[in-house]
Amino acid sequence: MPQHINPLGQPVGDALPAWTLPPHPSPSTMQGRHCRLDPLVPARHAADLFAAYALDAEGRNWTYLPYGPFETPADFEAWMSQTCGGGDPLFYAIVDPATDKAVGVASYMRIDPRNGSIEVGHLNFSPLLQRTPAATEAMYLMMKHAFELGYRRYEWKCNALNAPSRAAAQRLGFSFEGVFRQAAVVKGRNRDTAWYAAIDSEWPELEKAFLRWLDASNFGPDGRQRTPLAAFTGPILKQRG
C-alpha cells in the first residue's frame, strides 16, 4: 500500500475526512430466504434452542464456548435471561422459517462505533442448522448489516484449536490476522485466540461471492451446492491460517 508521510518524515495512516461514527446496531429482525434472525428472547426461544442443541448428543458444540452445556431447559433459559438481554453482546436467534423454530444463535459483540469495529461471536449452530444454506445466509445477513451501518471492520475470533471455526472463518471471507497466545482462560484451560477479519473495502466483492453462492442456480435438484463458497471468497482473502 502507498504510504503517507507527515512533515516529520514519518509514515502515517490514511486520512479519513469523511469518516462518521456508525450507530450501535439495534435489535431488529433480519430476513433472508433460508432463515430469519430475530432478537433473542429467552422466553420465546430457549425451549426450541435447548431441544435443537440436544440433537448434539456428544455436546461437541459446547467445547470451545465459555459456558454450557446446560442440564435442563430451565437452566438454559435462566442463563439466557441473565446473559443475553443486553446491547453488547447483542444476541439473535436464527430461526427456520419453515418451522418458525430457533435452531441456532449468533451475536454482535465488542461493538466499537468509535473505531468502526464490530465482532460476530457466540456462534452456536445446532445440528438442524449446521452445513445448510441457512447457516451461511445468517452469516451473510449479519455481515451485510454491519457494513451497511458503516462499520469498517468485522471480526471473527475463536479458540486457535477450534479447526472447524477457523475453516468457517476463511470460507466466509475473513482473512487471518494472527494468534494471540494465552489470551484467555476458558473452563480452566488455556485459550490461544485466532483472529480473523473482513474490512469495508472487501465487502463489495464478498457480497458478490455470497450472492453467487446463495443463488438457486448454484444448487442441484438434490440440494447439493455446485460450487463451494470458498471458491468465490478465496481470491478475496488477504491471508490464510
Protein backbone atom coordinates (compact mmCIF):
# COMPACT_ATOMS: atom_id res chain seq x y z
CA MET A 1 0.00 0.00 0.00
CA PRO A 2 1.25 3.54 -0.73
CA GLN A 3 2.41 5.29 2.40
CA HIS A 4 1.60 8.81 3.52
CA ILE A 5 4.45 10.79 5.03
CA ASN A 6 3.90 13.51 7.60
CA PRO A 7 6.01 16.71 7.81
CA LEU A 8 8.40 14.90 10.18
CA GLY A 9 9.14 12.29 7.55
CA GLN A 10 7.19 9.57 9.36
CA PRO A 11 4.76 7.18 7.67
CA VAL A 12 1.17 7.68 8.82
CA GLY A 13 -2.18 6.07 8.07
CA ASP A 14 -4.76 7.19 5.55
CA ALA A 15 -6.69 10.32 6.47
CA LEU A 16 -10.42 9.69 6.95
CA PRO A 17 -12.02 13.09 6.34
CA ALA A 18 -15.44 11.61 5.58
CA TRP A 19 -15.42 9.15 8.48
CA THR A 20 -18.53 9.22 10.64
CA LEU A 21 -19.26 7.00 13.60
CA PRO A 22 -21.72 4.20 12.79
CA PRO A 23 -24.72 3.67 15.05
CA HIS A 24 -24.94 0.86 17.54
CA PRO A 25 -26.88 -1.98 15.89
CA SER A 26 -30.47 -2.10 17.03
CA PRO A 27 -32.29 -5.33 17.98
CA SER A 28 -34.22 -5.68 14.74
CA THR A 29 -35.14 -8.68 12.60
CA MET A 30 -33.01 -9.63 9.59
CA GLN A 31 -34.97 -11.57 6.98
CA GLY A 32 -33.44 -13.92 4.45
CA ARG A 33 -34.75 -16.57 2.11
CA HIS A 34 -33.49 -19.54 4.13
CA CYS A 35 -33.55 -18.09 7.64
CA ARG A 36 -34.64 -15.21 9.83
CA LEU A 37 -32.63 -13.60 12.59
CA ASP A 38 -34.80 -12.38 15.45
CA PRO A 39 -33.58 -10.54 18.53
CA LEU A 40 -33.17 -13.28 21.11
CA VAL A 41 -35.99 -13.52 23.65
CA PRO A 42 -35.32 -16.27 26.22
CA ALA A 43 -38.99 -16.92 26.97
CA ARG A 44 -39.69 -17.37 23.26
CA HIS A 45 -36.56 -19.13 22.01
CA ALA A 46 -34.95 -21.05 24.89
CA ALA A 47 -37.07 -24.20 24.65
CA ASP A 48 -36.61 -24.57 20.91
CA LEU A 49 -32.88 -23.98 21.19
CA PHE A 50 -32.48 -26.45 24.06
CA ALA A 51 -34.25 -29.12 22.00
CA ALA A 52 -32.17 -28.35 18.92
CA TYR A 53 -28.89 -28.44 20.85
CA ALA A 54 -29.91 -31.75 22.46
CA LEU A 55 -29.52 -33.32 18.99
CA ASP A 56 -25.78 -32.81 19.50
CA ALA A 57 -25.69 -35.84 21.80
CA GLU A 58 -21.93 -35.66 22.45
CA GLY A 59 -22.04 -31.95 23.28
CA ARG A 60 -19.37 -31.01 20.75
CA ASN A 61 -20.93 -27.58 20.21
CA TRP A 62 -20.06 -26.54 23.75
CA THR A 63 -16.38 -27.50 23.86
CA TYR A 64 -14.97 -24.13 22.83
CA LEU A 65 -17.70 -21.90 24.27
CA PRO A 66 -17.05 -20.34 27.70
CA TYR A 67 -20.40 -21.66 29.02
CA GLY A 68 -22.60 -24.72 28.76
CA PRO A 69 -23.74 -27.37 28.32
CA PHE A 70 -26.88 -26.95 30.39
CA GLU A 71 -28.63 -29.76 32.22
CA THR A 72 -32.24 -28.62 31.87
CA PRO A 73 -34.31 -26.20 29.78
CA ALA A 74 -34.83 -24.14 32.93
CA ASP A 75 -31.08 -23.85 33.49
CA PHE A 76 -30.59 -22.79 29.89
CA GLU A 77 -33.35 -20.19 29.98
CA ALA A 78 -32.07 -18.81 33.27
CA TRP A 79 -28.58 -18.39 31.81
CA MET A 80 -30.01 -16.71 28.71
CA SER A 81 -32.08 -14.35 30.83
CA GLN A 82 -29.00 -13.31 32.79
CA THR A 83 -26.61 -13.08 29.84
CA CYS A 84 -28.36 -12.41 26.56
CA GLY A 85 -30.51 -9.36 27.20
CA GLY A 86 -28.02 -6.52 26.79
CA GLY A 87 -26.83 -4.46 23.87
CA ASP A 88 -23.28 -5.87 23.79
CA PRO A 89 -23.28 -8.71 23.12
CA LEU A 90 -26.45 -8.33 21.08
CA PHE A 91 -27.90 -11.81 20.63
CA TYR A 92 -30.02 -13.13 17.77
CA ALA A 93 -31.92 -16.36 17.38
CA ILE A 94 -31.51 -17.94 13.95
CA VAL A 95 -34.99 -19.14 13.03
CA ASP A 96 -36.01 -21.74 10.44
CA PRO A 97 -38.93 -20.09 8.60
CA ALA A 98 -40.38 -23.48 7.67
CA THR A 99 -40.97 -24.39 11.33
CA ASP A 100 -40.73 -20.95 12.96
CA LYS A 101 -38.36 -22.51 15.50
CA ALA A 102 -34.95 -21.25 16.61
CA VAL A 103 -32.14 -23.56 15.50
CA GLY A 104 -29.07 -21.51 16.39
CA VAL A 105 -27.66 -18.38 17.98
CA ALA A 106 -25.26 -15.62 16.94
CA SER A 107 -24.41 -12.21 18.30
CA TYR A 108 -22.71 -8.93 17.61
CA MET A 109 -20.13 -8.23 20.31
CA ARG A 110 -17.21 -5.97 21.16
CA ILE A 111 -19.17 -3.25 19.41
CA ASP A 112 -16.88 -0.23 18.98
CA PRO A 113 -18.52 2.56 16.95
CA ARG A 114 -15.69 4.98 17.77
CA ASN A 115 -13.25 2.87 15.77
CA GLY A 116 -15.79 1.32 13.41
CA SER A 117 -15.15 -2.23 14.61
CA ILE A 118 -17.64 -4.97 15.45
CA GLU A 119 -17.31 -8.71 16.03
CA VAL A 120 -19.57 -11.66 15.31
CA GLY A 121 -19.49 -14.26 18.06
CA HIS A 122 -21.30 -16.59 20.46
CA LEU A 123 -21.99 -18.77 17.44
CA ASN A 124 -23.81 -21.96 18.32
CA PHE A 125 -25.42 -23.75 15.39
CA SER A 126 -27.46 -26.82 16.23
CA PRO A 127 -27.32 -29.94 14.01
CA LEU A 128 -30.52 -28.63 12.38
CA LEU A 129 -28.59 -25.59 11.12
CA GLN A 130 -25.08 -26.87 10.51
CA ARG A 131 -23.97 -27.20 6.88
CA THR A 132 -27.15 -25.67 5.48
CA PRO A 133 -27.70 -22.66 3.22
CA ALA A 134 -29.46 -21.04 6.20
CA ALA A 135 -26.25 -21.12 8.24
CA THR A 136 -24.32 -19.30 5.52
CA GLU A 137 -27.16 -16.89 4.86
CA ALA A 138 -27.32 -15.97 8.55
CA MET A 139 -23.65 -15.01 8.50
CA TYR A 140 -24.16 -13.08 5.27
CA LEU A 141 -27.07 -11.12 6.74
CA MET A 142 -25.10 -10.16 9.83
CA MET A 143 -22.03 -9.09 7.86
CA LYS A 144 -24.17 -7.14 5.41
CA HIS A 145 -25.98 -5.31 8.20
CA ALA A 146 -22.73 -4.39 9.95
CA PHE A 147 -21.15 -2.92 6.85
CA GLU A 148 -24.33 -1.14 5.80
CA LEU A 149 -24.42 0.52 9.23
CA GLY A 150 -20.99 1.94 8.40
CA TYR A 151 -18.60 -0.30 10.33
CA ARG A 152 -15.11 -0.51 8.82
CA ARG A 153 -14.01 -3.78 10.35
CA TYR A 154 -15.90 -7.03 11.02
CA GLU A 155 -14.11 -9.51 13.27
CA TRP A 156 -14.23 -13.24 13.94
CA LYS A 157 -12.23 -14.72 16.82
CA CYS A 158 -12.07 -18.30 18.02
CA ASN A 159 -10.02 -20.75 20.04
CA ALA A 160 -6.93 -21.45 17.96
CA LEU A 161 -7.57 -25.19 18.46
CA ASN A 162 -11.08 -24.95 17.02
CA ALA A 163 -10.30 -26.12 13.49
CA PRO A 164 -13.93 -26.07 12.22
CA SER A 165 -14.38 -22.45 13.32
CA ARG A 166 -11.12 -21.41 11.69
CA ALA A 167 -12.11 -23.09 8.45
CA ALA A 168 -15.54 -21.45 8.60
CA ALA A 169 -13.99 -18.01 9.05
CA GLN A 170 -11.91 -18.40 5.91
CA ARG A 171 -14.81 -19.86 3.94
CA LEU A 172 -16.91 -16.83 4.89
CA GLY A 173 -14.25 -14.40 3.68
CA PHE A 174 -12.46 -13.46 6.90
CA SER A 175 -8.70 -13.05 6.44
CA PHE A 176 -6.36 -14.50 9.05
CA GLU A 177 -4.57 -11.91 11.20
CA GLY A 178 -2.64 -13.97 13.73
CA VAL A 179 -2.85 -15.82 17.03
CA PHE A 180 -2.88 -14.13 20.43
CA ARG A 181 -1.09 -16.57 22.73
CA GLN A 182 -2.50 -17.24 26.21
CA ALA A 183 -5.28 -14.77 25.52
CA ALA A 184 -7.79 -16.24 27.98
CA VAL A 185 -8.58 -18.96 30.48
CA VAL A 186 -11.76 -20.80 29.48
CA LYS A 187 -13.25 -23.61 31.55
CA GLY A 188 -9.97 -23.93 33.41
CA ARG A 189 -7.87 -24.32 30.25
CA ASN A 190 -5.57 -22.02 28.33
CA ARG A 191 -7.00 -20.44 25.20
CA ASP A 192 -4.89 -19.07 22.38
CA THR A 193 -7.16 -16.94 20.21
CA ALA A 194 -7.04 -16.87 16.41
CA TRP A 195 -8.08 -13.54 14.88
CA TYR A 196 -9.80 -13.05 11.53
CA ALA A 197 -11.42 -10.00 9.96
CA ALA A 198 -13.07 -8.58 6.87
CA ILE A 199 -12.94 -4.86 6.14
CA ASP A 200 -15.27 -2.49 4.35
CA SER A 201 -13.17 -2.24 1.18
CA GLU A 202 -13.55 -6.02 0.76
CA TRP A 203 -17.29 -6.06 1.34
CA PRO A 204 -18.47 -5.36 -2.25
CA GLU A 205 -16.61 -8.40 -3.56
CA LEU A 206 -17.58 -10.50 -0.55
CA GLU A 207 -21.23 -9.68 -1.07
CA LYS A 208 -20.99 -10.76 -4.70
CA ALA A 209 -19.41 -14.02 -3.54
CA PHE A 210 -22.21 -14.68 -1.04
CA LEU A 211 -24.93 -13.88 -3.56
CA ARG A 212 -23.37 -16.12 -6.21
CA TRP A 213 -23.23 -18.99 -3.73
CA LEU A 214 -26.74 -18.44 -2.37
CA ASP A 215 -28.30 -18.17 -5.82
CA ALA A 216 -30.70 -21.03 -6.55
CA SER A 217 -28.72 -21.89 -9.69
CA ASN A 218 -25.78 -22.91 -7.50
CA PHE A 219 -27.74 -25.85 -6.10
CA GLY A 220 -28.76 -29.01 -7.89
CA PRO A 221 -32.10 -30.82 -7.64
CA ASP A 222 -30.72 -32.76 -4.66
CA GLY A 223 -29.91 -29.52 -2.83
CA ARG A 224 -26.15 -30.01 -3.13
CA GLN A 225 -24.01 -26.99 -3.96
CA ARG A 226 -22.46 -26.88 -7.40
CA THR A 227 -19.61 -24.54 -6.44
CA PRO A 228 -18.36 -24.14 -2.85
CA LEU A 229 -18.42 -20.71 -1.25
CA ALA A 230 -14.66 -20.88 -0.69
CA ALA A 231 -14.16 -20.85 -4.45
CA PHE A 232 -15.77 -17.39 -4.52
CA THR A 233 -14.32 -15.95 -1.30
CA GLY A 234 -10.83 -17.47 -1.55
CA PRO A 235 -9.46 -14.91 -4.02
CA ILE A 236 -10.55 -12.09 -1.69
CA LEU A 237 -8.62 -13.35 1.34
CA LYS A 238 -5.51 -11.39 2.24
CA GLN A 239 -4.00 -14.16 4.36
CA ARG A 240 -4.83 -17.74 5.25
CA GLY A 241 -4.22 -19.50 8.50
